[in-house]
Amino acid sequence: MNISDFQQKIEAAVNCCEVIQRSVEKLPDQPQELLTEAIRDISLVVEELYVAQEELQQKQEEQFTTSYQLQLEKQRYRQLFEEVPDGYLVTDDRGVIQEANRTAAIMLNVAQNLIVGKPLALFVSKASHTTFYSQLRQLTQLSSNRDCQCCSPSQAPTSPDYQEDHYNNAIVLRNWEVQIQPRHQESFLAAITVSTTCSDQGHSVGLRWLLRDITEYKQAQEALLSSERKLKQQAQQLSQAFKELKKTQAELVQQEKMSSLGRLLAGVAHEINNPIGFISSNLQPLQSYVDDILVVLQCYQSQYPDPPPQLQQIIQEKELDFLVEDLPKLLDSMKIGSNRICHLVTSLRNFSNDDTYFKKVDIHQGIENTLVLLRHRLQPVGGCPEIKVIKKYSNLPLVECYSAKLNQVFMNILSNAIDALEEERQQQPQQAIPEKELLLTICTQQVESDKITIAIANNGSGISPEVQKHIFEPFFTTKPVGKGTGLGLAISHQIVVDRHQGKLRCISVPGQGTEFLIEIPLKNQTAATK
């Protein structure tokens, strides 16, 4: 009954009361009083009906307002539903489409009025069918096993792919990537967010699907990853190029130093060689002359055993007997010194030889030439013990190599070994008998038919494993500033490995000593190929 019908009936009741009242006025007094009381009761009822009428009218107005607001909300929801940039679908538990917005219809290439009633799996590529049905079954099972209004902890989803939406009382699967196959179009990759929907009684009645085309996102992501990989590769290349540049710079500096040193040594050797040549070449005639003079002197003394007093006095003053005895020794010392200088000049010439091509050389000769130049560092200094050199040479064939470059390697490694032993020597107290004998051991051997090894070891304090990791890096040094450049071992490694296709290793135990092992082929492979 609406408000107008209710009002008409009230008016009819009022009219009836008026008619009754007029009729009552014509009756006797006693029945009139009874009827008047009845009419009064009826009037009260009518008044209550008027109040009820007002309340009913107020409720009807509120209902109209609520209905109008619901209509506005429905229109706004519909507008949002249609205009959302992502595809939005509503399906039942089996995945049959019940509602779809305009974007979803466009994405699936189906008219919006024809998409309802079609299974969503129809628009999933065959490659994703198995995953799609598996996730749909799992989501439906989770939804059916829980009370949609009050999910206990034991009923909450345990899979990390699913989440509990407490605000909407739903189970949500987010960012599920599925290959979608629209009708008569190419497939695309979509990110799907699917959640359950509940009825008023709290039972699962369907699923809500949000589809987003992430093809461009994936392409941009792949392009970004590819760009990052290229940038990393370029950074690595630049870093490697920088290292190579530093290495080349160090090599050029060292080569220039060695070239200058070689020219200096060659010049010094040449300048020393000329005067020492005069001296050594005249020593033998001088020895002969002295021998002849001594023979004549002995003959004279035998013929004239009693010289005049004046001559006897001169003989005593000049100590003739001592001169006769010491003069041959003096000549022998001059010969030894001259030979050592000649040997030194030969070593300087060999060491300063500028190699431009491979040639066959005696490795032992190169080592010996280097030891000659370092002999002054092996001798005892200031009461400190000498450094003993132990040579264990094998019978090696001639080796095809850059002799001057290898001499540079021997110089760098032997110098470092002596540096370590000098530190050990300085730490020992000055005693008549040293606590520890300082040893420098050089071993050579032919390990294979086409390779040789040169091992240079000392019994110093050794090198820590952390330092060994960087020992062949350019500019790395543990020596004080001004004493080491950090280039010697780096260049030695480059000469052995790059120039001679060999190996250079460092084997060290802290507290026991260090050994550098050089391995080079007997014949250069590059030269052999050519």
Foldseek 3Di string as FASTA:
>chain_A
DALVVLVVVLVVLVVVLVVQLVVLVPDDDPVSVVSVVVSVVSVVVSVVSVVVSVVRVVVVVVVVVVVVVVVVVVVVVLVCQQPPQWKKFWFWLQQATQAIHPNNCVVQVHDRVPRHRHHQLVFFDPVCNVVVVVVSVVQSVLQQQAQLQDGDPVSADPDPQWDQDNVQSKIKGWQDWTWTHHPPDHIFIWGKIKIFHADPNRHTTTMMITIDGCRVVVVVVVVVVVVVVVVVVVVVVVVVVVLVVVLVVLVVVVVVVLLVLLVVLLVVLVVLCVVLVVVLVCLVVVVVVLVVVLVVVVVVCVVCVDDDPVVVVVCVVVVVVVCNVCVVVVSVVSNVVSVLSVLLSVLSNQLSDDDDAWDWDDVVVLLVSLCSVCVVLQPDDPLFHGEEEAEAEDDDGTATARSNLVSLLSNLVVVVQSVQVVVVRVPWDRDPDTPDHKYWYWYKDAPDPWKIKIKTKIFGQWDDPVCQVCLLRAQDDPDDPPPDRSHSNVSSQCRQCVVFVWGWHWDIDGNGIIMIMGMGTRYRPVVVVD
